[in-house]
């Protein structure tokens, strides 16, 4: 029995070593706090979707591996030190995710850049970055918030989102750079979820309710919202099945936050 246990432990160590060799980092020191003053929720919300879902890496990586990448990036990136993640692929070029600070840019001020070598057209990672097709994201750093450049507040955008549907304005208020509209989120969510709106609108209501609770550090309430979202998706006759990806993404985000909070 003792020999079997020793063999099992050696096997686990070997497998873990192999898994670790598939993901490598070029980075500096791992700090105890984020050195750019970015709130954890906004960092996870913005980067997990763009780094893993826009590049299809979520199909390859486990939750623990995705968490390890985000944890390393969040606590290692500084004003002077970028983080480069390399992920070996079954075939073709190595996947590269770069997290880099740029200060005092002309249009956005201080920003965090997420750079990849994933070609949105060919849907593959390529050795050379394509200036037109490789996925890049610029996020404005604003008093702890991390704001995608297309989500910046403007009165025009507010008007457009208000006229679209019952949930777009909620998403805008959650993730824009205007702190004055943050307290409008929960009342709008309560109104939407108590209404007789179509299932697709309530689906986004539960999605944003989960985001709201994560932002407010209540992961229990966030999980309740996620379960309601999944129940609605499962039982609805009007929501297209392709929307199951929303539930998958929301699940991944919650799993990332759980790991960060453990």
C-alpha atoms as a PDB file:
ATOM      1  CA  UNK A   1       0.000   0.000   0.000  1.00  0.00           C
ATOM      2  CA  UNK A   2       2.828   2.395   0.896  1.00  0.00           C
ATOM      3  CA  UNK A   3       4.525   1.791  -2.463  1.00  0.00           C
ATOM      4  CA  UNK A   4       1.244   2.419  -4.276  1.00  0.00           C
ATOM      5  CA  UNK A   5       0.798   5.740  -2.453  1.00  0.00           C
ATOM      6  CA  UNK A   6       4.368   6.767  -3.298  1.00  0.00           C
ATOM      7  CA  UNK A   7       3.779   5.881  -6.954  1.00  0.00           C
ATOM      8  CA  UNK A   8       0.511   7.848  -6.955  1.00  0.00           C
ATOM      9  CA  UNK A   9       2.195  10.914  -5.450  1.00  0.00           C
ATOM     10  CA  UNK A  10       4.966  10.752  -8.022  1.00  0.00           C
ATOM     11  CA  UNK A  11       2.380  10.521 -10.786  1.00  0.00           C
ATOM     12  CA  UNK A  12       0.510  13.575  -9.464  1.00  0.00           C
ATOM     13  CA  UNK A  13       3.751  15.559  -9.227  1.00  0.00           C
ATOM     14  CA  UNK A  14       4.686  14.501 -12.752  1.00  0.00           C
ATOM     15  CA  UNK A  15       1.298  15.502 -14.161  1.00  0.00           C
ATOM     16  CA  UNK A  16       1.385  18.848 -12.365  1.00  0.00           C
ATOM     17  CA  UNK A  17       4.877  19.536 -13.663  1.00  0.00           C
ATOM     18  CA  UNK A  18       3.751  18.725 -17.191  1.00  0.00           C
ATOM     19  CA  UNK A  19       0.739  21.027 -16.895  1.00  0.00           C
ATOM     20  CA  UNK A  20       2.901  23.845 -15.590  1.00  0.00           C
ATOM     21  CA  UNK A  21       5.348  23.449 -18.455  1.00  0.00           C
ATOM     22  CA  UNK A  22       2.519  24.213 -20.906  1.00  0.00           C
ATOM     23  CA  UNK A  23       2.084  27.746 -19.493  1.00  0.00           C
ATOM     24  CA  UNK A  24       5.119  29.967 -18.991  1.00  0.00           C
ATOM     25  CA  UNK A  25       5.538  33.573 -17.909  1.00  0.00           C
ATOM     26  CA  UNK A  26       7.853  36.463 -18.562  1.00  0.00           C
ATOM     27  CA  UNK A  27       7.245  38.791 -15.657  1.00  0.00           C
ATOM     28  CA  UNK A  28       8.693  40.579 -12.677  1.00  0.00           C
ATOM     29  CA  UNK A  29       7.960  40.295  -8.976  1.00  0.00           C
ATOM     30  CA  UNK A  30       4.634  38.968  -7.721  1.00  0.00           C
ATOM     31  CA  UNK A  31       3.245  41.678  -5.404  1.00  0.00           C
ATOM     32  CA  UNK A  32       0.694  41.420  -2.602  1.00  0.00           C
ATOM     33  CA  UNK A  33      -1.488  44.123  -4.206  1.00  0.00           C
ATOM     34  CA  UNK A  34      -2.183  45.332  -7.722  1.00  0.00           C
ATOM     35  CA  UNK A  35       0.396  48.016  -8.474  1.00  0.00           C
ATOM     36  CA  UNK A  36      -1.862  49.973 -10.838  1.00  0.00           C
ATOM     37  CA  UNK A  37      -4.681  50.475  -8.350  1.00  0.00           C
ATOM     38  CA  UNK A  38      -7.147  48.418 -10.403  1.00  0.00           C
ATOM     39  CA  UNK A  39     -10.084  46.900  -8.541  1.00  0.00           C
ATOM     40  CA  UNK A  40     -10.052  43.093  -8.740  1.00  0.00           C
ATOM     41  CA  UNK A  41     -13.611  42.782 -10.013  1.00  0.00           C
ATOM     42  CA  UNK A  42     -13.076  45.111 -12.960  1.00  0.00           C
ATOM     43  CA  UNK A  43      -9.786  43.430 -13.848  1.00  0.00           C
ATOM     44  CA  UNK A  44     -11.325  39.957 -13.867  1.00  0.00           C
ATOM     45  CA  UNK A  45     -14.505  41.034 -15.645  1.00  0.00           C
ATOM     46  CA  UNK A  46     -12.680  42.739 -18.488  1.00  0.00           C
ATOM     47  CA  UNK A  47      -9.729  40.428 -19.019  1.00  0.00           C
ATOM     48  CA  UNK A  48     -11.185  36.941 -18.572  1.00  0.00           C
ATOM     49  CA  UNK A  49     -13.637  37.421 -21.444  1.00  0.00           C
ATOM     50  CA  UNK A  50     -11.140  39.017 -23.805  1.00  0.00           C
ATOM     51  CA  UNK A  51      -8.159  36.809 -22.949  1.00  0.00           C
ATOM     52  CA  UNK A  52      -9.979  33.471 -22.908  1.00  0.00           C
ATOM     53  CA  UNK A  53     -13.311  33.674 -24.717  1.00  0.00           C
ATOM     54  CA  UNK A  54     -12.395  35.951 -27.611  1.00  0.00           C
ATOM     55  CA  UNK A  55      -9.381  33.731 -28.288  1.00  0.00           C
ATOM     56  CA  UNK A  56     -11.111  30.365 -27.697  1.00  0.00           C
ATOM     57  CA  UNK A  57      -8.580  29.550 -24.973  1.00  0.00           C
ATOM     58  CA  UNK A  58     -11.477  28.732 -22.633  1.00  0.00           C
ATOM     59  CA  UNK A  59     -11.895  25.521 -24.667  1.00  0.00           C
ATOM     60  CA  UNK A  60      -8.327  24.513 -23.806  1.00  0.00           C
ATOM     61  CA  UNK A  61      -7.725  25.814 -20.287  1.00  0.00           C
ATOM     62  CA  UNK A  62      -9.193  24.665 -16.985  1.00  0.00           C
ATOM     63  CA  UNK A  63     -10.653  27.115 -14.478  1.00  0.00           C
ATOM     64  CA  UNK A  64      -7.533  26.699 -12.335  1.00  0.00           C
ATOM     65  CA  UNK A  65      -5.273  27.503 -15.291  1.00  0.00           C
ATOM     66  CA  UNK A  66      -7.289  30.583 -16.231  1.00  0.00           C
ATOM     67  CA  UNK A  67      -7.207  31.717 -12.607  1.00  0.00           C
ATOM     68  CA  UNK A  68      -3.444  31.203 -12.433  1.00  0.00           C
ATOM     69  CA  UNK A  69      -2.964  33.413 -15.496  1.00  0.00           C
ATOM     70  CA  UNK A  70      -5.202  36.199 -14.176  1.00  0.00           C
ATOM     71  CA  UNK A  71      -3.672  35.988 -10.691  1.00  0.00           C
ATOM     72  CA  UNK A  72      -0.147  36.276 -12.088  1.00  0.00           C
ATOM     73  CA  UNK A  73      -1.076  39.170 -14.371  1.00  0.00           C
ATOM     74  CA  UNK A  74      -3.026  41.079 -11.707  1.00  0.00           C
ATOM     75  CA  UNK A  75      -0.299  40.901  -9.088  1.00  0.00           C
ATOM     76  CA  UNK A  76       2.718  41.204 -11.398  1.00  0.00           C
ATOM     77  CA  UNK A  77       1.950  43.949 -13.914  1.00  0.00           C
ATOM     78  CA  UNK A  78       3.331  47.361 -12.935  1.00  0.00           C
ATOM     79  CA  UNK A  79       3.994  50.690 -14.608  1.00  0.00           C
ATOM     80  CA  UNK A  80       7.454  49.432 -15.550  1.00  0.00           C
ATOM     81  CA  UNK A  81       6.947  45.684 -15.870  1.00  0.00           C
ATOM     82  CA  UNK A  82       4.685  43.965 -18.365  1.00  0.00           C
ATOM     83  CA  UNK A  83       3.508  40.371 -18.103  1.00  0.00           C
ATOM     84  CA  UNK A  84       3.751  37.980 -21.043  1.00  0.00           C
ATOM     85  CA  UNK A  85       1.957  34.638 -20.851  1.00  0.00           C
ATOM     86  CA  UNK A  86       2.859  31.864 -23.290  1.00  0.00           C
ATOM     87  CA  UNK A  87       0.529  28.891 -23.710  1.00  0.00           C
ATOM     88  CA  UNK A  88       1.618  25.939 -25.802  1.00  0.00           C
ATOM     89  CA  UNK A  89      -0.940  24.911 -28.416  1.00  0.00           C
ATOM     90  CA  UNK A  90      -1.641  21.389 -29.726  1.00  0.00           C
ATOM     91  CA  UNK A  91      -0.378  22.629 -33.077  1.00  0.00           C
ATOM     92  CA  UNK A  92       0.805  25.882 -34.562  1.00  0.00           C
ATOM     93  CA  UNK A  93       2.176  28.972 -32.857  1.00  0.00           C
ATOM     94  CA  UNK A  94       2.319  29.405 -29.097  1.00  0.00           C
ATOM     95  CA  UNK A  95      -0.523  31.534 -27.716  1.00  0.00           C
ATOM     96  CA  UNK A  96       0.697  34.840 -26.275  1.00  0.00           C
ATOM     97  CA  UNK A  97      -1.180  37.127 -23.887  1.00  0.00           C
ATOM     98  CA  UNK A  98       0.530  40.388 -22.989  1.00  0.00           C
ATOM     99  CA  UNK A  99      -0.562  42.687 -20.151  1.00  0.00           C
ATOM    100  CA  UNK A 100       1.096  46.084 -20.403  1.00  0.00           C
ATOM    101  CA  UNK A 101       0.647  49.500 -18.766  1.00  0.00           C
ATOM    102  CA  UNK A 102       0.815  52.673 -20.827  1.00  0.00           C
ATOM    103  CA  UNK A 103       0.742  55.996 -19.003  1.00  0.00           C
ATOM    104  CA  UNK A 104      -0.746  59.348 -19.948  1.00  0.00           C
ATOM    105  CA  UNK A 105      -1.969  58.391 -23.421  1.00  0.00           C
ATOM    106  CA  UNK A 106      -3.449  61.207 -25.468  1.00  0.00           C
ATOM    107  CA  UNK A 107      -7.075  60.022 -25.540  1.00  0.00           C
ATOM    108  CA  UNK A 108      -7.492  57.780 -22.511  1.00  0.00           C
ATOM    109  CA  UNK A 109      -4.831  58.757 -19.999  1.00  0.00           C
ATOM    110  CA  UNK A 110      -3.459  55.740 -18.113  1.00  0.00           C
ATOM    111  CA  UNK A 111      -4.411  52.458 -19.757  1.00  0.00           C
ATOM    112  CA  UNK A 112      -3.907  48.728 -19.500  1.00  0.00           C
ATOM    113  CA  UNK A 113      -3.348  46.940 -22.797  1.00  0.00           C
ATOM    114  CA  UNK A 114      -4.180  43.292 -23.398  1.00  0.00           C
ATOM    115  CA  UNK A 115      -2.344  42.143 -26.521  1.00  0.00           C
ATOM    116  CA  UNK A 116      -2.686  38.742 -28.181  1.00  0.00           C
ATOM    117  CA  UNK A 117      -1.430  36.991 -31.296  1.00  0.00           C
ATOM    118  CA  UNK A 118      -4.876  35.509 -31.962  1.00  0.00           C
ATOM    119  CA  UNK A 119      -6.118  36.304 -35.464  1.00  0.00           C
ATOM    120  CA  UNK A 120      -9.857  37.019 -35.373  1.00  0.00           C
ATOM    121  CA  UNK A 121     -10.214  36.095 -39.053  1.00  0.00           C
ATOM    122  CA  UNK A 122      -8.342  32.780 -39.170  1.00  0.00           C
ATOM    123  CA  UNK A 123      -9.320  31.943 -35.556  1.00  0.00           C
ATOM    124  CA  UNK A 124      -5.777  30.772 -34.828  1.00  0.00           C
ATOM    125  CA  UNK A 125      -2.721  31.983 -32.942  1.00  0.00           C
ATOM    126  CA  UNK A 126      -0.058  33.185 -35.360  1.00  0.00           C
ATOM    127  CA  UNK A 127       3.682  33.707 -35.018  1.00  0.00           C
ATOM    128  CA  UNK A 128       3.453  37.255 -36.333  1.00  0.00           C
ATOM    129  CA  UNK A 129       1.002  39.787 -34.985  1.00  0.00           C
ATOM    130  CA  UNK A 130      -1.390  41.147 -37.605  1.00  0.00           C
ATOM    131  CA  UNK A 131      -2.005  44.880 -36.987  1.00  0.00           C
ATOM    132  CA  UNK A 132      -5.509  44.574 -38.424  1.00  0.00           C
ATOM    133  CA  UNK A 133      -6.705  41.159 -37.266  1.00  0.00           C
ATOM    134  CA  UNK A 134      -4.877  40.301 -34.030  1.00  0.00           C
ATOM    135  CA  UNK A 135      -7.010  40.874 -30.935  1.00  0.00           C
ATOM    136  CA  UNK A 136      -5.947  43.842 -28.797  1.00  0.00           C
ATOM    137  CA  UNK A 137      -7.862  45.568 -26.029  1.00  0.00           C
ATOM    138  CA  UNK A 138      -7.289  48.986 -24.446  1.00  0.00           C
ATOM    139  CA  UNK A 139      -8.812  49.687 -21.035  1.00  0.00           C
ATOM    140  CA  UNK A 140      -8.865  53.039 -19.294  1.00  0.00           C
ATOM    141  CA  UNK A 141      -7.763  52.994 -15.654  1.00  0.00           C
ATOM    142  CA  UNK A 142     -10.088  55.337 -13.774  1.00  0.00           C
ATOM    143  CA  UNK A 143      -9.987  55.437  -9.963  1.00  0.00           C
ATOM    144  CA  UNK A 144      -9.867  51.665  -9.659  1.00  0.00           C
ATOM    145  CA  UNK A 145     -12.209  50.935 -12.534  1.00  0.00           C
ATOM    146  CA  UNK A 146     -10.953  49.250 -15.686  1.00  0.00           C
ATOM    147  CA  UNK A 147     -13.086  50.541 -18.558  1.00  0.00           C
ATOM    148  CA  UNK A 148     -13.066  49.224 -22.110  1.00  0.00           C
ATOM    149  CA  UNK A 149     -12.425  52.141 -24.457  1.00  0.00           C
ATOM    150  CA  UNK A 150     -15.792  51.718 -26.197  1.00  0.00           C
ATOM    151  CA  UNK A 151     -17.654  51.818 -22.870  1.00  0.00           C
ATOM    152  CA  UNK A 152     -16.657  55.353 -21.881  1.00  0.00           C
ATOM    153  CA  UNK A 153     -19.550  57.492 -20.706  1.00  0.00           C
ATOM    154  CA  UNK A 154     -21.166  60.083 -22.924  1.00  0.00           C
ATOM    155  CA  UNK A 155     -24.653  61.568 -23.000  1.00  0.00           C
ATOM    156  CA  UNK A 156     -25.073  60.269 -26.544  1.00  0.00           C
ATOM    157  CA  UNK A 157     -24.207  56.709 -25.490  1.00  0.00           C
ATOM    158  CA  UNK A 158     -26.545  56.987 -22.514  1.00  0.00           C
ATOM    159  CA  UNK A 159     -29.411  58.065 -24.783  1.00  0.00           C
ATOM    160  CA  UNK A 160     -28.717  55.244 -27.255  1.00  0.00           C
ATOM    161  CA  UNK A 161     -28.605  52.597 -24.538  1.00  0.00           C
ATOM    162  CA  UNK A 162     -31.784  53.895 -22.920  1.00  0.00           C
ATOM    163  CA  UNK A 163     -33.627  53.539 -26.232  1.00  0.00           C
ATOM    164  CA  UNK A 164     -32.265  50.070 -27.114  1.00  0.00           C
ATOM    165  CA  UNK A 165     -33.915  47.847 -24.528  1.00  0.00           C
ATOM    166  CA  UNK A 166     -34.349  47.478 -20.770  1.00  0.00           C
ATOM    167  CA  UNK A 167     -30.869  46.111 -20.008  1.00  0.00           C
ATOM    168  CA  UNK A 168     -28.305  47.975 -22.128  1.00  0.00           C
ATOM    169  CA  UNK A 169     -28.399  51.024 -19.875  1.00  0.00           C
ATOM    170  CA  UNK A 170     -27.753  48.787 -16.851  1.00  0.00           C
ATOM    171  CA  UNK A 171     -24.669  47.327 -18.524  1.00  0.00           C
ATOM    172  CA  UNK A 172     -23.452  50.801 -19.375  1.00  0.00           C
ATOM    173  CA  UNK A 173     -23.861  52.084 -15.824  1.00  0.00           C
ATOM    174  CA  UNK A 174     -22.054  49.029 -14.427  1.00  0.00           C
ATOM    175  CA  UNK A 175     -18.985  49.304 -16.615  1.00  0.00           C
ATOM    176  CA  UNK A 176     -18.550  52.907 -17.730  1.00  0.00           C
ATOM    177  CA  UNK A 177     -16.224  55.474 -16.151  1.00  0.00           C
ATOM    178  CA  UNK A 178     -18.981  57.635 -14.659  1.00  0.00           C
ATOM    179  CA  UNK A 179     -19.264  56.971 -10.917  1.00  0.00           C
ATOM    180  CA  UNK A 180     -22.347  59.166 -10.562  1.00  0.00           C
ATOM    181  CA  UNK A 181     -24.645  56.619 -12.213  1.00  0.00           C
ATOM    182  CA  UNK A 182     -23.507  53.588 -10.187  1.00  0.00           C
ATOM    183  CA  UNK A 183     -26.359  53.899  -7.680  1.00  0.00           C
ATOM    184  CA  UNK A 184     -28.908  53.609 -10.500  1.00  0.00           C
ATOM    185  CA  UNK A 185     -27.933  50.015 -11.302  1.00  0.00           C
ATOM    186  CA  UNK A 186     -29.834  48.103  -8.579  1.00  0.00           C
ATOM    187  CA  UNK A 187     -33.161  49.969  -8.958  1.00  0.00           C
ATOM    188  CA  UNK A 188     -33.072  49.377 -12.717  1.00  0.00           C
ATOM    189  CA  UNK A 189     -32.321  45.689 -12.162  1.00  0.00           C
ATOM    190  CA  UNK A 190     -35.173  45.318  -9.673  1.00  0.00           C
ATOM    191  CA  UNK A 191     -37.554  47.019 -12.100  1.00  0.00           C
ATOM    192  CA  UNK A 192     -36.514  44.780 -14.992  1.00  0.00           C
ATOM    193  CA  UNK A 193     -36.722  41.507 -13.083  1.00  0.00           C
ATOM    194  CA  UNK A 194     -40.143  42.407 -11.616  1.00  0.00           C
ATOM    195  CA  UNK A 195     -41.536  43.276 -15.048  1.00  0.00           C
ATOM    196  CA  UNK A 196     -43.173  41.162 -17.750  1.00  0.00           C
ATOM    197  CA  UNK A 197     -40.350  41.775 -20.227  1.00  0.00           C
ATOM    198  CA  UNK A 198     -39.349  39.039 -22.664  1.00  0.00           C
ATOM    199  CA  UNK A 199     -37.135  36.202 -21.460  1.00  0.00           C
ATOM    200  CA  UNK A 200     -34.090  37.471 -23.353  1.00  0.00           C
ATOM    201  CA  UNK A 201     -34.234  40.778 -21.491  1.00  0.00           C
ATOM    202  CA  UNK A 202     -34.588  39.054 -18.130  1.00  0.00           C
ATOM    203  CA  UNK A 203     -31.644  36.825 -19.045  1.00  0.00           C
ATOM    204  CA  UNK A 204     -29.462  39.927 -19.195  1.00  0.00           C
ATOM    205  CA  UNK A 205     -31.117  41.141 -16.019  1.00  0.00           C
ATOM    206  CA  UNK A 206     -29.905  38.073 -14.119  1.00  0.00           C
ATOM    207  CA  UNK A 207     -26.499  38.366 -15.786  1.00  0.00           C
ATOM    208  CA  UNK A 208     -26.052  41.955 -14.614  1.00  0.00           C
ATOM    209  CA  UNK A 209     -27.523  41.157 -11.204  1.00  0.00           C
ATOM    210  CA  UNK A 210     -24.759  38.593 -10.794  1.00  0.00           C
ATOM    211  CA  UNK A 211     -22.180  41.186 -11.819  1.00  0.00           C
ATOM    212  CA  UNK A 212     -23.684  43.652  -9.341  1.00  0.00           C
ATOM    213  CA  UNK A 213     -23.360  41.183  -6.466  1.00  0.00           C
ATOM    214  CA  UNK A 214     -19.789  40.230  -7.409  1.00  0.00           C
ATOM    215  CA  UNK A 215     -18.911  43.921  -7.476  1.00  0.00           C
ATOM    216  CA  UNK A 216     -20.371  44.197  -3.974  1.00  0.00           C
ATOM    217  CA  UNK A 217     -18.435  41.137  -2.739  1.00  0.00           C
ATOM    218  CA  UNK A 218     -21.493  38.941  -2.233  1.00  0.00           C
ATOM    219  CA  UNK A 219     -20.643  35.755  -4.119  1.00  0.00           C
ATOM    220  CA  UNK A 220     -23.563  33.865  -2.556  1.00  0.00           C
ATOM    221  CA  UNK A 221     -26.061  36.303  -4.071  1.00  0.00           C
ATOM    222  CA  UNK A 222     -24.090  36.251  -7.323  1.00  0.00           C
ATOM    223  CA  UNK A 223     -24.442  32.466  -7.483  1.00  0.00           C
ATOM    224  CA  UNK A 224     -28.186  32.738  -6.851  1.00  0.00           C
ATOM    225  CA  UNK A 225     -28.475  35.135  -9.795  1.00  0.00           C
ATOM    226  CA  UNK A 226     -26.428  32.777 -11.963  1.00  0.00           C
ATOM    227  CA  UNK A 227     -28.662  29.831 -11.044  1.00  0.00           C
ATOM    228  CA  UNK A 228     -31.735  31.895 -11.956  1.00  0.00           C
ATOM    229  CA  UNK A 229     -30.110  32.746 -15.269  1.00  0.00           C
ATOM    230  CA  UNK A 230     -29.445  29.062 -15.978  1.00  0.00           C
ATOM    231  CA  UNK A 231     -32.993  28.080 -14.998  1.00  0.00           C
ATOM    232  CA  UNK A 232     -34.440  30.722 -17.309  1.00  0.00           C
ATOM    233  CA  UNK A 233     -32.184  29.617 -20.154  1.00  0.00           C
ATOM    234  CA  UNK A 234     -33.136  25.973 -19.590  1.00  0.00           C
ATOM    235  CA  UNK A 235     -36.891  26.562 -19.446  1.00  0.00           C
ATOM    236  CA  UNK A 236     -37.373  29.358 -21.963  1.00  0.00           C
ATOM    237  CA  UNK A 237     -38.887  28.571 -25.338  1.00  0.00           C
ATOM    238  CA  UNK A 238     -37.881  31.904 -26.855  1.00  0.00           C
ATOM    239  CA  UNK A 239     -34.165  32.268 -26.018  1.00  0.00           C
ATOM    240  CA  UNK A 240     -31.907  30.828 -28.761  1.00  0.00           C
ATOM    241  CA  UNK A 241     -29.678  27.975 -27.569  1.00  0.00           C
ATOM    242  CA  UNK A 242     -26.587  29.915 -28.618  1.00  0.00           C
ATOM    243  CA  UNK A 243     -27.111  32.119 -25.577  1.00  0.00           C
ATOM    244  CA  UNK A 244     -25.821  29.273 -23.403  1.00  0.00           C
ATOM    245  CA  UNK A 245     -22.395  30.822 -23.948  1.00  0.00           C
ATOM    246  CA  UNK A 246     -23.504  33.707 -21.707  1.00  0.00           C
ATOM    247  CA  UNK A 247     -24.144  31.239 -18.889  1.00  0.00           C
ATOM    248  CA  UNK A 248     -20.762  29.612 -19.499  1.00  0.00           C
ATOM    249  CA  UNK A 249     -18.985  32.966 -19.331  1.00  0.00           C
ATOM    250  CA  UNK A 250     -20.847  34.020 -16.196  1.00  0.00           C
ATOM    251  CA  UNK A 251     -19.920  30.704 -14.583  1.00  0.00           C
ATOM    252  CA  UNK A 252     -16.261  31.155 -15.458  1.00  0.00           C
ATOM    253  CA  UNK A 253     -16.197  34.690 -14.077  1.00  0.00           C
ATOM    254  CA  UNK A 254     -17.755  33.571 -10.795  1.00  0.00           C
ATOM    255  CA  UNK A 255     -15.275  30.698 -10.528  1.00  0.00           C
ATOM    256  CA  UNK A 256     -12.402  33.137 -11.017  1.00  0.00           C
ATOM    257  CA  UNK A 257     -13.702  35.393  -8.256  1.00  0.00           C
ATOM    258  CA  UNK A 258     -14.209  32.459  -5.899  1.00  0.00           C
ATOM    259  CA  UNK A 259     -10.586  31.462  -6.349  1.00  0.00           C
ATOM    260  CA  UNK A 260      -9.352  34.997  -5.808  1.00  0.00           C
ATOM    261  CA  UNK A 261     -11.369  35.166  -2.590  1.00  0.00           C
ATOM    262  CA  UNK A 262     -10.141  31.856  -1.162  1.00  0.00           C
END
